[in-house]
Structure formats: C-alpha cells, structure tokens
Amino acid sequence: MFNFANRETLVLIAVLVSLAATYYLYTEMKRQKEDIHNVKTFVSHKLARSPAHEAKKQPKPKPMEEEVEEIEEEEED
C-alpha cells in the first residue's frame, strides 16, 4: 500500500484524527449549549414582558362584604 505506512504509523495517525474530532465535537457541543441557554433566557425575558403575563400579574379585586352576603343569600334560595 504505502512504503512509509507501517502499522504503528497508521495507529498514531488514527489516534490523532480521533483526538482532533473529539475536540471539535466538544467545542461544538459547548457552543450549542450556550446558544440554547441564550434562547431560553431570551424567551423567558420576552414572556415576562408580554401583555398576557402582565394581565396575570394584576390581582383580582376582592368583593366587598355586602356583595359576598348577597351572593350567599342567592345561593341559599
């Protein structure tokens, strides 16, 4: 096949290629993890400022005691 390519040389080349591929995949995975974190942060920030979220935050007015008594009387009838 090749004159210079004995078994040890091919094994060494295969190890170097696999190490390079592992490093590349590690950096890509780290970058994707940061991207996912950024998207999650962006979405949660946008949802916190959405009008629907603001409507949920507003407390409902408590009924006055007279209204509660009237409702209870209507339920008894």
N, C-alpha and C. Protein backbone atom coordinates (compact mmCIF):
# COMPACT_ATOMS: atom_id res chain seq x y z
N MET A 1 0.83 -1.17 0.00
CA MET A 1 0.00 0.00 0.00
C MET A 1 0.88 1.24 0.00
N PHE A 2 1.36 1.71 1.13
CA PHE A 2 2.30 2.81 1.20
C PHE A 2 3.62 2.28 1.74
N ASN A 3 4.70 2.85 1.29
CA ASN A 3 6.00 2.42 1.78
C ASN A 3 6.26 2.90 3.20
N PHE A 4 5.80 4.10 3.54
CA PHE A 4 6.08 4.66 4.86
C PHE A 4 5.05 4.23 5.90
N ALA A 5 3.96 3.61 5.46
CA ALA A 5 2.84 3.35 6.36
C ALA A 5 2.94 1.96 6.96
N ASN A 6 3.62 1.88 8.06
CA ASN A 6 3.57 0.63 8.79
C ASN A 6 2.45 0.72 9.82
N ARG A 7 2.26 -0.32 10.57
CA ARG A 7 1.13 -0.40 11.48
C ARG A 7 1.17 0.69 12.56
N GLU A 8 2.30 0.95 13.15
CA GLU A 8 2.40 1.93 14.22
C GLU A 8 2.09 3.35 13.72
N THR A 9 2.54 3.66 12.54
CA THR A 9 2.28 4.98 11.97
C THR A 9 0.79 5.18 11.73
N LEU A 10 0.12 4.18 11.20
CA LEU A 10 -1.31 4.28 10.94
C LEU A 10 -2.10 4.40 12.24
N VAL A 11 -1.69 3.67 13.26
CA VAL A 11 -2.37 3.77 14.56
C VAL A 11 -2.18 5.17 15.14
N LEU A 12 -0.99 5.72 15.03
CA LEU A 12 -0.72 7.06 15.54
C LEU A 12 -1.55 8.10 14.79
N ILE A 13 -1.66 7.97 13.50
CA ILE A 13 -2.47 8.90 12.71
C ILE A 13 -3.95 8.78 13.08
N ALA A 14 -4.42 7.55 13.29
CA ALA A 14 -5.82 7.34 13.67
C ALA A 14 -6.11 7.95 15.04
N VAL A 15 -5.18 7.83 15.97
CA VAL A 15 -5.36 8.41 17.30
C VAL A 15 -5.40 9.94 17.21
N LEU A 16 -4.52 10.52 16.44
CA LEU A 16 -4.51 11.98 16.29
C LEU A 16 -5.79 12.49 15.64
N VAL A 17 -6.26 11.78 14.63
CA VAL A 17 -7.50 12.19 13.96
C VAL A 17 -8.68 12.08 14.92
N SER A 18 -8.73 11.01 15.70
CA SER A 18 -9.84 10.84 16.64
C SER A 18 -9.79 11.90 17.75
N LEU A 19 -8.59 12.27 18.21
CA LEU A 19 -8.47 13.34 19.20
C LEU A 19 -8.92 14.68 18.64
N ALA A 20 -8.55 14.95 17.40
CA ALA A 20 -8.98 16.20 16.77
C ALA A 20 -10.50 16.23 16.61
N ALA A 21 -11.09 15.12 16.21
CA ALA A 21 -12.54 15.05 16.05
C ALA A 21 -13.25 15.21 17.40
N THR A 22 -12.70 14.61 18.43
CA THR A 22 -13.28 14.73 19.77
C THR A 22 -13.24 16.17 20.24
N TYR A 23 -12.14 16.85 20.05
CA TYR A 23 -12.02 18.26 20.44
C TYR A 23 -13.02 19.12 19.68
N TYR A 24 -13.15 18.87 18.37
CA TYR A 24 -14.09 19.62 17.56
C TYR A 24 -15.52 19.42 18.05
N LEU A 25 -15.90 18.18 18.30
CA LEU A 25 -17.25 17.90 18.78
C LEU A 25 -17.50 18.52 20.15
N TYR A 26 -16.49 18.52 21.01
CA TYR A 26 -16.63 19.12 22.33
C TYR A 26 -16.88 20.63 22.22
N THR A 27 -16.13 21.30 21.37
CA THR A 27 -16.32 22.75 21.23
C THR A 27 -17.68 23.07 20.61
N GLU A 28 -18.12 22.25 19.66
CA GLU A 28 -19.43 22.47 19.04
C GLU A 28 -20.54 22.25 20.06
N MET A 29 -20.42 21.23 20.89
CA MET A 29 -21.43 20.96 21.90
C MET A 29 -21.48 22.10 22.92
N LYS A 30 -20.33 22.62 23.28
CA LYS A 30 -20.27 23.72 24.23
C LYS A 30 -20.93 24.96 23.64
N ARG A 31 -20.68 25.23 22.37
CA ARG A 31 -21.28 26.38 21.70
C ARG A 31 -22.80 26.22 21.60
N GLN A 32 -23.26 25.02 21.29
CA GLN A 32 -24.70 24.78 21.20
C GLN A 32 -25.37 24.93 22.56
N LYS A 33 -24.68 24.49 23.61
CA LYS A 33 -25.23 24.63 24.97
C LYS A 33 -25.39 26.11 25.31
N GLU A 34 -24.42 26.93 24.96
CA GLU A 34 -24.52 28.37 25.20
C GLU A 34 -25.65 28.99 24.39
N ASP A 35 -25.82 28.54 23.14
CA ASP A 35 -26.90 29.05 22.30
C ASP A 35 -28.26 28.70 22.89
N ILE A 36 -28.42 27.48 23.37
CA ILE A 36 -29.69 27.06 23.97
C ILE A 36 -29.97 27.88 25.22
N HIS A 37 -28.95 28.12 26.01
CA HIS A 37 -29.12 28.93 27.22
C HIS A 37 -29.54 30.35 26.85
N ASN A 38 -28.93 30.92 25.82
CA ASN A 38 -29.28 32.27 25.37
C ASN A 38 -30.72 32.33 24.87
N VAL A 39 -31.16 31.31 24.14
CA VAL A 39 -32.53 31.28 23.64
C VAL A 39 -33.51 31.17 24.80
N LYS A 40 -33.21 30.30 25.77
CA LYS A 40 -34.09 30.17 26.93
C LYS A 40 -34.20 31.49 27.69
N THR A 41 -33.09 32.16 27.87
CA THR A 41 -33.10 33.43 28.57
C THR A 41 -33.91 34.47 27.81
N PHE A 42 -33.73 34.52 26.50
CA PHE A 42 -34.46 35.46 25.65
C PHE A 42 -35.96 35.21 25.72
N VAL A 43 -36.36 33.95 25.60
CA VAL A 43 -37.78 33.61 25.60
C VAL A 43 -38.40 33.92 26.95
N SER A 44 -37.73 33.56 28.03
CA SER A 44 -38.30 33.84 29.34
C SER A 44 -38.38 35.34 29.60
N HIS A 45 -37.41 36.09 29.08
CA HIS A 45 -37.43 37.54 29.24
C HIS A 45 -38.59 38.15 28.45
N LYS A 46 -38.81 37.65 27.24
CA LYS A 46 -39.92 38.15 26.42
C LYS A 46 -41.27 37.78 27.03
N LEU A 47 -41.38 36.56 27.55
CA LEU A 47 -42.64 36.14 28.15
C LEU A 47 -42.95 36.94 29.40
N ALA A 48 -41.93 37.32 30.13
CA ALA A 48 -42.15 38.10 31.34
C ALA A 48 -42.69 39.49 31.02
N ARG A 49 -42.40 39.99 29.84
CA ARG A 49 -42.86 41.33 29.44
C ARG A 49 -44.07 41.31 28.53
N SER A 50 -44.64 40.14 28.27
CA SER A 50 -45.78 40.06 27.36
C SER A 50 -47.04 40.59 28.04
N PRO A 51 -47.98 41.10 27.27
CA PRO A 51 -49.22 41.62 27.84
C PRO A 51 -50.02 40.55 28.58
N ALA A 52 -49.99 39.32 28.11
CA ALA A 52 -50.73 38.25 28.78
C ALA A 52 -50.15 38.00 30.16
N HIS A 53 -48.86 38.08 30.28
CA HIS A 53 -48.22 37.88 31.57
C HIS A 53 -48.56 39.02 32.52
N GLU A 54 -48.61 40.22 32.00
CA GLU A 54 -48.97 41.37 32.82
C GLU A 54 -50.41 41.25 33.32
N ALA A 55 -51.29 40.72 32.49
CA ALA A 55 -52.68 40.55 32.89
C ALA A 55 -52.78 39.52 34.02
N LYS A 56 -51.98 38.51 33.99
CA LYS A 56 -51.99 37.50 35.04
C LYS A 56 -51.47 38.06 36.35
N LYS A 57 -50.56 39.00 36.28
CA LYS A 57 -49.96 39.57 37.48
C LYS A 57 -50.93 40.44 38.26
N GLN A 58 -51.86 41.08 37.57
CA GLN A 58 -52.76 42.01 38.24
C GLN A 58 -53.68 41.26 39.19
N PRO A 59 -53.73 41.69 40.44
CA PRO A 59 -54.60 41.00 41.40
C PRO A 59 -56.06 41.30 41.11
N LYS A 60 -56.88 40.30 41.37
CA LYS A 60 -58.31 40.50 41.16
C LYS A 60 -58.86 41.30 42.33
N PRO A 61 -59.76 42.21 42.07
CA PRO A 61 -60.33 42.99 43.18
C PRO A 61 -61.16 42.07 44.08
N LYS A 62 -60.98 42.25 45.36
CA LYS A 62 -61.74 41.44 46.32
C LYS A 62 -63.17 41.97 46.40
N PRO A 63 -64.15 41.07 46.43
CA PRO A 63 -65.53 41.54 46.53
C PRO A 63 -65.79 42.13 47.92
N MET A 64 -66.60 43.12 47.93
CA MET A 64 -66.92 43.76 49.20
C MET A 64 -67.80 42.82 50.02
N GLU A 65 -67.89 43.05 51.33
CA GLU A 65 -68.63 42.17 52.22
C GLU A 65 -70.11 42.12 51.84
N GLU A 66 -70.68 43.24 51.42
CA GLU A 66 -72.08 43.27 51.04
C GLU A 66 -72.34 42.35 49.84
N GLU A 67 -71.42 42.37 48.85
CA GLU A 67 -71.58 41.53 47.68
C GLU A 67 -71.49 40.06 48.07
N VAL A 68 -70.59 39.74 48.99
CA VAL A 68 -70.44 38.35 49.43
C VAL A 68 -71.72 37.89 50.11
N GLU A 69 -72.31 38.74 50.98
CA GLU A 69 -73.54 38.38 51.66
C GLU A 69 -74.69 38.20 50.67
N GLU A 70 -74.75 39.05 49.65
CA GLU A 70 -75.79 38.93 48.65
C GLU A 70 -75.64 37.63 47.87
N ILE A 71 -74.43 37.27 47.53
CA ILE A 71 -74.18 36.04 46.79
C ILE A 71 -74.56 34.84 47.65
N GLU A 72 -74.23 34.87 48.93
CA GLU A 72 -74.58 33.77 49.83
C GLU A 72 -76.08 33.65 49.98
N GLU A 73 -76.78 34.76 50.05
CA GLU A 73 -78.23 34.72 50.16
C GLU A 73 -78.86 34.14 48.91
N GLU A 74 -78.33 34.48 47.75
CA GLU A 74 -78.86 33.96 46.50
C GLU A 74 -78.61 32.46 46.41
N GLU A 75 -77.51 31.98 46.90
CA GLU A 75 -77.21 30.55 46.87
C GLU A 75 -78.14 29.77 47.80
N GLU A 76 -78.54 30.37 48.92
CA GLU A 76 -79.44 29.70 49.87
C GLU A 76 -80.84 29.55 49.29
N ASP A 77 -81.27 30.47 48.44
CA ASP A 77 -82.63 30.41 47.87
C ASP A 77 -82.75 29.36 46.86
